[in-house]
Structures are given as structure tokens and as C-alpha cells.
């Protein structure tokens, strides 16, 4: 499936200068600037660089924000680079805390999505949201392409 913005001005590409970890700040800014829902699609590495704590600002401000964390358990770009150079891609993997649990403790509605079977519950969580929603989408780093 493809995610489409309703208009060009409704799309913000937070890494236009390739600065990992800026997505949450951009999403919060967008959430303050518009009454419309905001979707942030981010990687787990970038989310861990600031999103974990910055998301609390969205909770505190009551922003209509959905965060989809593409969680491949580390730094995906580095995983691919190491694998392409016949080096150990495991060096890029990190044992993160359970991001859904962390964000639930911060006041978000959240869940971990491990399979297609979990998607219906994730859609229901989004549809019924009354606070920021975090979906921790678990991915196989070996199956993610760049």
C-alpha cells in the first residue's frame, strides 16, 4: 500500500538533509500547525534519538498524532551497508526497550505489531484514538530493502 498526503503542503520530509532523529520534532510542529491528524513514519534508531522523550510533548499538548515506528531492531541503513560489504550486519542491531510499553507509560495508546494478524487491532486503535497512538511495527532487518 501507499501512504498519500492530501496535498503537497501536507507532506513534510523531515530528513531532507539526512539528519536521523528529527522526525518527531517535525511531527509535533505539524501537529501544532494543523487541526488535522498527523502521521509520522519513523525508524526505531531515529525514534530512539529523541522521539521517545519528545513524544511526551504531543501527549501533554493533546495532539492528534499517530506514530508508526518501523522497528528492525537497530540501524537499518547500516545493516544493509554492512551486509553489502560482507561484514557482520549484526553490529548494527541494538536491543531496544519495548517501545509500545515505554510510550504507554508516557500516556500514549500503543501496541506492538508483529504480524498481519495484528493489523486489524492497530487500525481499530487508530480509529478510536483519543490521544497520540504509537505502533511499534516489528520488521525483519534482513527483509528490509533500501
N, C-alpha and C. Protein backbone atom coordinates (compact mmCIF):
# COMPACT_ATOMS: atom_id res chain seq x y z
N UNK A 1 0.83 -1.18 0.00
CA UNK A 1 0.00 0.00 0.00
C UNK A 1 0.87 1.24 0.00
N UNK A 2 0.27 2.32 -0.43
CA UNK A 2 0.97 3.59 -0.50
C UNK A 2 0.31 4.57 0.46
N UNK A 3 1.11 5.35 1.15
CA UNK A 3 0.60 6.41 2.00
C UNK A 3 0.62 7.68 1.16
N UNK A 4 -0.53 8.35 1.06
CA UNK A 4 -0.63 9.57 0.26
C UNK A 4 -1.04 10.74 1.13
N UNK A 5 -0.41 11.88 0.88
CA UNK A 5 -0.80 13.12 1.53
C UNK A 5 -1.91 13.76 0.70
N UNK A 6 -2.86 14.44 1.34
CA UNK A 6 -3.96 15.04 0.58
C UNK A 6 -3.53 16.19 -0.33
N UNK A 7 -2.39 16.81 -0.02
CA UNK A 7 -1.87 17.91 -0.83
C UNK A 7 -0.37 18.02 -0.58
N UNK A 8 0.39 18.58 -1.51
CA UNK A 8 1.85 18.68 -1.33
C UNK A 8 2.25 19.38 -0.03
N UNK A 9 1.52 20.41 0.35
CA UNK A 9 1.88 21.14 1.57
C UNK A 9 1.56 20.34 2.84
N UNK A 10 0.87 19.22 2.70
CA UNK A 10 0.54 18.38 3.84
C UNK A 10 1.61 17.31 4.08
N UNK A 11 2.66 17.30 3.27
CA UNK A 11 3.72 16.30 3.39
C UNK A 11 5.01 16.98 3.83
N UNK A 12 5.61 16.48 4.90
CA UNK A 12 6.88 17.01 5.39
C UNK A 12 7.88 15.87 5.40
N UNK A 13 8.97 16.05 4.69
CA UNK A 13 10.04 15.05 4.66
C UNK A 13 11.13 15.54 5.60
N UNK A 14 11.12 15.05 6.83
CA UNK A 14 11.97 15.59 7.88
C UNK A 14 13.45 15.28 7.72
N UNK A 15 13.80 14.37 6.83
CA UNK A 15 15.21 14.04 6.68
C UNK A 15 15.77 14.53 5.36
N UNK A 16 15.24 15.66 4.87
CA UNK A 16 15.70 16.16 3.58
C UNK A 16 17.19 16.47 3.60
N UNK A 17 17.75 16.68 4.76
CA UNK A 17 19.20 16.87 4.84
C UNK A 17 19.85 15.71 5.59
N UNK A 18 19.17 14.60 5.64
CA UNK A 18 19.65 13.33 6.19
C UNK A 18 20.13 13.43 7.63
N UNK A 19 19.31 14.01 8.45
CA UNK A 19 19.60 14.11 9.87
C UNK A 19 18.66 13.16 10.61
N UNK A 20 19.15 12.00 10.96
CA UNK A 20 18.34 10.99 11.63
C UNK A 20 17.91 11.51 13.00
N UNK A 21 16.66 11.25 13.34
CA UNK A 21 16.16 11.61 14.66
C UNK A 21 15.35 12.89 14.70
N UNK A 22 15.08 13.50 13.55
CA UNK A 22 14.35 14.77 13.51
C UNK A 22 12.85 14.59 13.24
N UNK A 23 12.40 13.38 12.99
CA UNK A 23 11.01 13.15 12.62
C UNK A 23 10.01 13.57 13.66
N UNK A 24 10.25 13.25 14.91
CA UNK A 24 9.29 13.59 15.95
C UNK A 24 9.14 15.09 16.10
N UNK A 25 10.24 15.83 16.05
CA UNK A 25 10.16 17.28 16.16
C UNK A 25 9.32 17.85 15.02
N UNK A 26 9.51 17.35 13.80
CA UNK A 26 8.73 17.81 12.65
C UNK A 26 7.25 17.45 12.82
N UNK A 27 6.98 16.26 13.33
CA UNK A 27 5.58 15.82 13.53
C UNK A 27 4.89 16.67 14.59
N UNK A 28 5.58 17.00 15.65
CA UNK A 28 5.00 17.85 16.69
C UNK A 28 4.73 19.24 16.12
N UNK A 29 5.67 19.77 15.36
CA UNK A 29 5.45 21.06 14.71
C UNK A 29 4.25 21.04 13.79
N UNK A 30 4.13 19.98 13.00
CA UNK A 30 2.98 19.85 12.11
C UNK A 30 1.68 19.73 12.91
N UNK A 31 1.74 19.00 14.01
CA UNK A 31 0.55 18.83 14.85
C UNK A 31 0.07 20.11 15.49
N UNK A 32 1.01 20.99 15.81
CA UNK A 32 0.64 22.29 16.37
C UNK A 32 0.08 23.20 15.27
N UNK A 33 0.60 23.04 14.04
CA UNK A 33 0.24 23.93 12.93
C UNK A 33 -1.09 23.57 12.27
N UNK A 34 -1.58 22.36 12.45
CA UNK A 34 -2.80 21.94 11.76
C UNK A 34 -3.76 21.25 12.72
N UNK A 35 -5.05 21.41 12.49
CA UNK A 35 -6.00 20.65 13.29
C UNK A 35 -6.19 19.22 12.78
N UNK A 36 -5.60 18.92 11.63
CA UNK A 36 -5.74 17.60 11.02
C UNK A 36 -4.84 16.58 11.72
N UNK A 37 -5.17 15.31 11.62
CA UNK A 37 -4.30 14.28 12.18
C UNK A 37 -2.93 14.30 11.49
N UNK A 38 -1.90 13.93 12.24
CA UNK A 38 -0.53 13.86 11.71
C UNK A 38 -0.04 12.43 11.84
N UNK A 39 0.56 11.93 10.76
CA UNK A 39 1.18 10.60 10.77
C UNK A 39 2.68 10.76 10.65
N UNK A 40 3.41 10.17 11.57
CA UNK A 40 4.86 10.10 11.50
C UNK A 40 5.25 8.65 11.26
N UNK A 41 5.99 8.42 10.18
CA UNK A 41 6.57 7.10 9.92
C UNK A 41 8.06 7.28 10.15
N UNK A 42 8.60 6.54 11.11
CA UNK A 42 9.99 6.72 11.52
C UNK A 42 10.65 5.38 11.76
N UNK A 43 11.94 5.39 11.75
CA UNK A 43 12.70 4.18 12.10
C UNK A 43 12.93 4.14 13.60
N UNK A 44 13.24 2.97 14.09
CA UNK A 44 13.47 2.81 15.52
C UNK A 44 14.72 3.53 15.98
N UNK A 45 15.77 3.54 15.17
CA UNK A 45 17.00 4.23 15.56
C UNK A 45 16.77 5.72 15.70
N UNK A 46 16.14 6.33 14.71
CA UNK A 46 15.84 7.75 14.78
C UNK A 46 14.88 8.07 15.92
N UNK A 47 13.90 7.20 16.13
CA UNK A 47 12.95 7.41 17.23
C UNK A 47 13.66 7.40 18.58
N UNK A 48 14.63 6.50 18.73
CA UNK A 48 15.35 6.41 19.99
C UNK A 48 16.25 7.62 20.23
N UNK A 49 16.59 8.36 19.17
CA UNK A 49 17.47 9.53 19.33
C UNK A 49 16.76 10.73 19.94
N UNK A 50 15.47 10.71 20.03
CA UNK A 50 14.79 11.85 20.62
C UNK A 50 13.29 11.67 20.67
N UNK A 51 12.76 10.86 19.79
CA UNK A 51 11.32 10.67 19.72
C UNK A 51 10.73 10.11 20.98
N UNK A 52 11.46 9.25 21.66
CA UNK A 52 10.94 8.62 22.88
C UNK A 52 10.51 9.68 23.88
N UNK A 53 11.36 10.65 24.12
CA UNK A 53 11.03 11.68 25.12
C UNK A 53 10.22 12.82 24.52
N UNK A 54 10.48 13.19 23.26
CA UNK A 54 9.74 14.29 22.63
C UNK A 54 8.27 13.98 22.48
N UNK A 55 7.94 12.70 22.32
CA UNK A 55 6.54 12.32 22.15
C UNK A 55 5.69 12.76 23.34
N UNK A 56 6.30 12.88 24.49
CA UNK A 56 5.53 13.32 25.66
C UNK A 56 4.95 14.72 25.45
N UNK A 57 5.63 15.56 24.67
CA UNK A 57 5.09 16.89 24.38
C UNK A 57 3.77 16.76 23.61
N UNK A 58 3.68 15.81 22.70
CA UNK A 58 2.44 15.58 21.95
C UNK A 58 1.33 15.10 22.88
N UNK A 59 1.68 14.27 23.84
CA UNK A 59 0.70 13.80 24.83
C UNK A 59 0.23 14.99 25.67
N UNK A 60 1.18 15.76 26.16
CA UNK A 60 0.86 16.90 27.03
C UNK A 60 -0.01 17.93 26.30
N UNK A 61 0.25 18.13 25.01
CA UNK A 61 -0.49 19.12 24.23
C UNK A 61 -1.76 18.55 23.59
N UNK A 62 -1.98 17.26 23.74
CA UNK A 62 -3.19 16.63 23.19
C UNK A 62 -3.22 16.62 21.67
N UNK A 63 -2.07 16.45 21.03
CA UNK A 63 -2.00 16.46 19.57
C UNK A 63 -2.59 15.17 18.98
N UNK A 64 -3.20 15.32 17.82
CA UNK A 64 -3.76 14.17 17.09
C UNK A 64 -2.64 13.59 16.23
N UNK A 65 -1.88 12.69 16.82
CA UNK A 65 -0.66 12.17 16.21
C UNK A 65 -0.65 10.65 16.23
N UNK A 66 -0.31 10.06 15.10
CA UNK A 66 -0.11 8.62 15.00
C UNK A 66 1.34 8.41 14.60
N UNK A 67 2.05 7.59 15.36
CA UNK A 67 3.46 7.32 15.11
C UNK A 67 3.62 5.84 14.75
N UNK A 68 4.11 5.59 13.56
CA UNK A 68 4.40 4.22 13.12
C UNK A 68 5.91 4.05 13.14
N UNK A 69 6.41 3.24 14.06
CA UNK A 69 7.85 3.02 14.19
C UNK A 69 8.20 1.74 13.44
N UNK A 70 8.98 1.88 12.38
CA UNK A 70 9.47 0.73 11.61
C UNK A 70 10.66 0.17 12.36
N UNK A 71 10.41 -0.83 13.17
CA UNK A 71 11.39 -1.32 14.13
C UNK A 71 12.06 -2.59 13.62
N UNK A 72 13.25 -2.40 13.06
CA UNK A 72 14.04 -3.55 12.61
C UNK A 72 15.13 -3.90 13.62
N UNK A 73 15.04 -3.32 14.81
CA UNK A 73 15.95 -3.69 15.89
C UNK A 73 17.33 -3.10 15.79
N UNK A 74 17.47 -1.96 15.15
CA UNK A 74 18.79 -1.34 15.06
C UNK A 74 18.80 -0.23 14.04
N UNK A 75 19.91 -0.08 13.38
CA UNK A 75 20.07 0.94 12.36
C UNK A 75 20.07 0.26 11.00
N UNK A 76 18.91 0.31 10.33
CA UNK A 76 18.68 -0.44 9.10
C UNK A 76 19.63 -0.10 7.96
N UNK A 77 19.92 1.18 7.78
CA UNK A 77 20.83 1.57 6.69
C UNK A 77 22.21 0.97 6.90
N UNK A 78 22.65 0.97 8.14
CA UNK A 78 23.95 0.38 8.45
C UNK A 78 23.92 -1.13 8.27
N UNK A 79 22.79 -1.74 8.63
CA UNK A 79 22.64 -3.19 8.44
C UNK A 79 22.87 -3.54 6.97
N UNK A 80 22.20 -2.79 6.08
CA UNK A 80 22.33 -3.05 4.64
C UNK A 80 23.76 -2.80 4.18
N UNK A 81 24.37 -1.71 4.62
CA UNK A 81 25.74 -1.40 4.20
C UNK A 81 26.72 -2.48 4.65
N UNK A 82 26.59 -2.93 5.88
CA UNK A 82 27.48 -3.99 6.37
C UNK A 82 27.26 -5.29 5.60
N UNK A 83 26.01 -5.65 5.39
CA UNK A 83 25.71 -6.88 4.65
C UNK A 83 26.26 -6.80 3.23
N UNK A 84 26.13 -5.65 2.58
CA UNK A 84 26.63 -5.48 1.21
C UNK A 84 28.14 -5.53 1.11
N UNK A 85 28.82 -5.31 2.23
CA UNK A 85 30.29 -5.34 2.25
C UNK A 85 30.82 -6.64 2.86
N UNK A 86 29.94 -7.63 2.97
CA UNK A 86 30.31 -8.93 3.56
C UNK A 86 30.88 -8.79 4.96
N UNK A 87 30.33 -7.82 5.70
CA UNK A 87 30.69 -7.64 7.10
C UNK A 87 29.52 -8.11 7.95
N UNK A 88 29.73 -8.22 9.24
CA UNK A 88 28.69 -8.70 10.14
C UNK A 88 27.60 -7.64 10.34
N UNK A 89 26.40 -7.82 9.73
CA UNK A 89 25.34 -6.83 9.90
C UNK A 89 24.80 -6.80 11.33
N UNK A 90 25.09 -7.83 12.10
CA UNK A 90 24.65 -7.87 13.49
C UNK A 90 25.24 -6.73 14.32
N UNK A 91 26.32 -6.12 13.84
CA UNK A 91 26.92 -4.99 14.55
C UNK A 91 25.97 -3.79 14.60
N UNK A 92 25.01 -3.72 13.68
CA UNK A 92 24.08 -2.59 13.64
C UNK A 92 22.83 -2.84 14.47
N UNK A 93 22.68 -4.02 15.02
CA UNK A 93 21.48 -4.36 15.78
C UNK A 93 21.64 -3.96 17.25
N UNK A 94 20.56 -3.45 17.81
CA UNK A 94 20.57 -2.98 19.19
C UNK A 94 19.32 -3.52 19.88
N UNK A 95 19.45 -3.90 21.13
CA UNK A 95 18.29 -4.37 21.88
C UNK A 95 17.59 -3.18 22.51
N UNK A 96 16.55 -2.68 21.83
CA UNK A 96 15.80 -1.55 22.35
C UNK A 96 14.85 -2.02 23.45
N UNK A 97 14.37 -1.10 24.28
CA UNK A 97 13.28 -1.47 25.19
C UNK A 97 12.01 -1.67 24.36
N UNK A 98 10.99 -2.24 24.94
CA UNK A 98 9.71 -2.40 24.25
C UNK A 98 9.11 -1.01 24.06
N UNK A 99 9.15 -0.50 22.84
CA UNK A 99 8.74 0.88 22.57
C UNK A 99 7.26 1.12 22.84
N UNK A 100 6.42 0.13 22.57
CA UNK A 100 4.99 0.29 22.86
C UNK A 100 4.76 0.45 24.37
N UNK A 101 5.47 -0.32 25.16
CA UNK A 101 5.33 -0.21 26.61
C UNK A 101 5.86 1.12 27.13
N UNK A 102 6.99 1.57 26.60
CA UNK A 102 7.56 2.84 27.03
C UNK A 102 6.58 3.97 26.75
N UNK A 103 6.02 3.99 25.54
CA UNK A 103 5.12 5.08 25.18
C UNK A 103 3.77 4.97 25.87
N UNK A 104 3.34 3.78 26.20
CA UNK A 104 2.12 3.63 27.01
C UNK A 104 2.34 4.26 28.38
N UNK A 105 3.53 4.08 28.94
CA UNK A 105 3.85 4.68 30.23
C UNK A 105 3.86 6.20 30.15
N UNK A 106 4.12 6.75 28.95
CA UNK A 106 4.13 8.21 28.76
C UNK A 106 2.73 8.75 28.47
N UNK A 107 1.74 7.86 28.32
CA UNK A 107 0.38 8.33 28.12
C UNK A 107 -0.18 8.11 26.73
N UNK A 108 0.55 7.41 25.88
CA UNK A 108 0.06 7.12 24.52
C UNK A 108 -0.77 5.84 24.51
N UNK A 109 -1.65 5.75 23.53
CA UNK A 109 -2.26 4.46 23.21
C UNK A 109 -1.23 3.77 22.33
N UNK A 110 -0.91 2.53 22.59
CA UNK A 110 0.17 1.90 21.83
C UNK A 110 0.01 0.40 21.74
N UNK A 111 0.66 -0.15 20.74
CA UNK A 111 0.71 -1.61 20.62
C UNK A 111 1.89 -2.02 19.75
N UNK A 112 2.30 -3.24 19.91
CA UNK A 112 3.33 -3.82 19.07
C UNK A 112 2.65 -4.64 17.99
N UNK A 113 3.06 -4.42 16.75
CA UNK A 113 2.51 -5.15 15.61
C UNK A 113 3.57 -6.13 15.14
N UNK A 114 3.30 -7.42 15.32
CA UNK A 114 4.28 -8.45 14.97
C UNK A 114 3.91 -9.22 13.71
N UNK A 115 2.65 -9.11 13.28
CA UNK A 115 2.20 -9.88 12.12
C UNK A 115 1.02 -9.18 11.46
N UNK A 116 0.66 -9.66 10.30
CA UNK A 116 -0.52 -9.12 9.61
C UNK A 116 -1.78 -9.29 10.45
N UNK A 117 -1.81 -10.34 11.26
CA UNK A 117 -2.98 -10.58 12.11
C UNK A 117 -3.20 -9.45 13.11
N UNK A 118 -2.14 -8.71 13.47
CA UNK A 118 -2.25 -7.60 14.42
C UNK A 118 -2.78 -6.32 13.77
N UNK A 119 -2.80 -6.26 12.44
CA UNK A 119 -3.15 -5.01 11.76
C UNK A 119 -4.58 -4.55 12.02
N UNK A 120 -5.51 -5.47 12.12
CA UNK A 120 -6.90 -5.08 12.39
C UNK A 120 -7.00 -4.36 13.73
N UNK A 121 -6.32 -4.88 14.75
CA UNK A 121 -6.33 -4.24 16.06
C UNK A 121 -5.64 -2.88 15.99
N UNK A 122 -4.57 -2.77 15.21
CA UNK A 122 -3.87 -1.50 15.05
C UNK A 122 -4.78 -0.46 14.40
N UNK A 123 -5.51 -0.87 13.38
CA UNK A 123 -6.45 0.04 12.70
C UNK A 123 -7.54 0.49 13.66
N UNK A 124 -8.01 -0.40 14.50
CA UNK A 124 -9.04 -0.05 15.49
C UNK A 124 -8.48 0.95 16.51
N UNK A 125 -7.25 0.73 16.93
CA UNK A 125 -6.60 1.65 17.88
C UNK A 125 -6.51 3.05 17.27
N UNK A 126 -6.16 3.13 16.00
CA UNK A 126 -6.08 4.43 15.31
C UNK A 126 -7.46 5.05 15.18
N UNK A 127 -8.43 4.27 14.76
CA UNK A 127 -9.78 4.80 14.54
C UNK A 127 -10.42 5.32 15.83
N UNK A 128 -10.09 4.71 16.96
CA UNK A 128 -10.70 5.08 18.24
C UNK A 128 -9.80 5.97 19.09
N UNK A 129 -8.76 6.53 18.51
CA UNK A 129 -7.77 7.28 19.29
C UNK A 129 -8.38 8.51 19.97
N UNK A 130 -7.91 8.75 21.18
CA UNK A 130 -8.27 9.96 21.93
C UNK A 130 -7.01 10.63 22.48
N UNK A 131 -5.87 10.16 22.01
CA UNK A 131 -4.55 10.65 22.41
C UNK A 131 -3.56 10.14 21.38
N UNK A 132 -2.31 10.55 21.42
CA UNK A 132 -1.35 10.04 20.44
C UNK A 132 -1.28 8.51 20.47
N UNK A 133 -1.10 7.95 19.29
CA UNK A 133 -1.02 6.50 19.12
C UNK A 133 0.37 6.13 18.62
N UNK A 134 0.94 5.08 19.19
CA UNK A 134 2.23 4.57 18.75
C UNK A 134 2.07 3.11 18.35
N UNK A 135 2.50 2.82 17.13
CA UNK A 135 2.53 1.44 16.65
C UNK A 135 3.99 1.04 16.47
N UNK A 136 4.41 0.05 17.21
CA UNK A 136 5.76 -0.49 17.12
C UNK A 136 5.72 -1.64 16.11
N UNK A 137 6.06 -1.34 14.86
CA UNK A 137 5.96 -2.31 13.77
C UNK A 137 7.25 -3.12 13.70
N UNK A 138 7.19 -4.38 14.11
CA UNK A 138 8.39 -5.21 14.14
C UNK A 138 8.70 -5.74 12.74
N UNK A 139 9.91 -5.49 12.29
CA UNK A 139 10.35 -5.89 10.95
C UNK A 139 11.59 -6.76 11.03
N UNK A 140 11.77 -7.60 10.05
CA UNK A 140 12.97 -8.43 9.94
C UNK A 140 14.02 -7.60 9.22
N UNK A 141 15.15 -7.26 9.87
CA UNK A 141 16.15 -6.41 9.22
C UNK A 141 16.70 -7.00 7.93
N UNK A 142 16.71 -8.31 7.82
CA UNK A 142 17.22 -8.96 6.60
C UNK A 142 16.24 -8.84 5.44
N UNK A 143 14.98 -8.51 5.73
CA UNK A 143 13.97 -8.42 4.68
C UNK A 143 13.69 -6.98 4.27
N UNK A 144 14.26 -6.00 4.98
CA UNK A 144 14.05 -4.59 4.66
C UNK A 144 15.02 -4.20 3.56
N UNK A 145 14.51 -3.52 2.54
CA UNK A 145 15.38 -3.11 1.44
C UNK A 145 15.59 -1.60 1.48
N UNK A 146 16.66 -1.18 0.92
CA UNK A 146 16.97 0.26 0.83
C UNK A 146 16.89 0.73 -0.59
